[in-house]
């Protein structure tokens, strides 16, 4: 296991690319279920240091708004990147 860094190491990043299995047009994302990225984004939000967030998915994995249910701990993403387009999402975070 490598060295662990504080979330502040990415405060100056131009953006964060997040893996996803799907994202809806409200900005809700389905990941792999570990909550790692949601915890990171929560910490960055609390510190006021969150750069733009982009979920990386295939075109058919961009779903209509409200399709993916969100829990209170889920953090929305601002955009989706697919092989063919960039989609600005409603709940831009």
Protein backbone atom coordinates (compact mmCIF):
# COMPACT_ATOMS: atom_id res chain seq x y z
CA UNK A 1 0.00 0.00 0.00
CA UNK A 2 1.30 3.42 -0.91
CA UNK A 3 1.43 6.59 1.11
CA UNK A 4 -1.93 8.18 1.97
CA UNK A 5 -2.38 11.85 1.16
CA UNK A 6 -4.78 14.44 2.52
CA UNK A 7 -7.52 15.62 0.14
CA UNK A 8 -5.72 18.96 -0.10
CA UNK A 9 -3.22 17.51 -2.59
CA UNK A 10 -5.81 17.97 -5.35
CA UNK A 11 -7.09 21.42 -4.36
CA UNK A 12 -5.29 23.01 -7.31
CA UNK A 13 -6.36 20.36 -9.83
CA UNK A 14 -8.18 21.65 -12.91
CA UNK A 15 -10.78 18.90 -12.45
CA UNK A 16 -11.48 15.39 -11.21
CA UNK A 17 -12.40 12.53 -13.55
CA UNK A 18 -14.59 10.02 -11.72
CA UNK A 19 -15.24 6.46 -12.88
CA UNK A 20 -18.92 5.56 -13.13
CA UNK A 21 -21.18 2.83 -14.39
CA UNK A 22 -23.90 5.41 -15.13
CA UNK A 23 -24.79 9.05 -14.52
CA UNK A 24 -28.11 10.83 -14.89
CA UNK A 25 -28.73 14.35 -16.16
CA UNK A 26 -29.28 15.49 -12.55
CA UNK A 27 -25.62 14.74 -11.83
CA UNK A 28 -26.24 11.58 -9.81
CA UNK A 29 -23.59 8.93 -10.39
CA UNK A 30 -23.43 5.19 -9.84
CA UNK A 31 -19.94 4.01 -8.97
CA UNK A 32 -18.71 0.70 -7.64
CA UNK A 33 -20.40 1.08 -4.23
CA UNK A 34 -17.42 1.91 -2.05
CA UNK A 35 -18.23 5.57 -1.46
CA UNK A 36 -14.60 6.63 -1.83
CA UNK A 37 -15.27 9.46 -4.28
CA UNK A 38 -18.32 10.71 -2.37
CA UNK A 39 -16.21 10.99 0.80
CA UNK A 40 -13.46 12.80 -1.11
CA UNK A 41 -15.93 15.24 -2.68
CA UNK A 42 -17.61 15.83 0.69
CA UNK A 43 -14.25 16.75 2.21
CA UNK A 44 -13.38 19.05 -0.70
CA UNK A 45 -16.81 20.71 -0.47
CA UNK A 46 -16.37 21.26 3.28
CA UNK A 47 -12.98 22.86 2.66
CA UNK A 48 -14.31 24.96 -0.25
CA UNK A 49 -11.68 23.39 -2.52
CA UNK A 50 -13.69 21.23 -4.91
CA UNK A 51 -12.58 21.46 -8.54
CA UNK A 52 -15.01 20.62 -11.38
CA UNK A 53 -16.08 16.96 -11.49
CA UNK A 54 -16.59 14.82 -14.58
CA UNK A 55 -18.01 11.27 -14.67
CA UNK A 56 -16.49 9.09 -17.40
CA UNK A 57 -19.11 6.86 -19.04
CA UNK A 58 -20.27 5.52 -22.40
CA UNK A 59 -22.97 7.45 -24.30
CA UNK A 60 -25.72 4.96 -23.38
CA UNK A 61 -24.82 5.32 -19.68
CA UNK A 62 -26.02 8.96 -19.56
CA UNK A 63 -29.58 8.55 -18.27
CA UNK A 64 -32.54 10.94 -17.96
CA UNK A 65 -32.67 13.22 -14.89
CA UNK A 66 -33.99 11.52 -11.78
CA UNK A 67 -33.23 8.00 -13.01
CA UNK A 68 -30.55 7.31 -10.40
CA UNK A 69 -31.76 7.58 -6.81
CA UNK A 70 -29.46 9.60 -4.56
CA UNK A 71 -28.80 9.24 -0.86
CA UNK A 72 -27.84 12.15 1.39
CA UNK A 73 -24.15 11.16 1.18
CA UNK A 74 -24.10 10.98 -2.66
CA UNK A 75 -22.33 13.91 -4.29
CA UNK A 76 -23.48 15.05 -7.75
CA UNK A 77 -21.04 15.64 -10.59
CA UNK A 78 -21.03 18.61 -12.95
CA UNK A 79 -20.43 16.90 -16.29
CA UNK A 80 -20.23 13.56 -18.05
CA UNK A 81 -17.55 12.66 -20.58
CA UNK A 82 -18.42 10.01 -23.16
CA UNK A 83 -16.51 8.83 -26.23
CA UNK A 84 -18.65 11.21 -28.34
CA UNK A 85 -19.58 14.21 -26.21
CA UNK A 86 -19.37 16.22 -23.03
CA UNK A 87 -22.70 16.57 -21.22
CA UNK A 88 -23.25 19.44 -18.77
CA UNK A 89 -25.48 18.08 -16.01
CA UNK A 90 -28.36 19.89 -14.29
CA UNK A 91 -27.05 19.76 -10.72
CA UNK A 92 -23.65 21.11 -11.63
CA UNK A 93 -21.60 20.65 -8.51
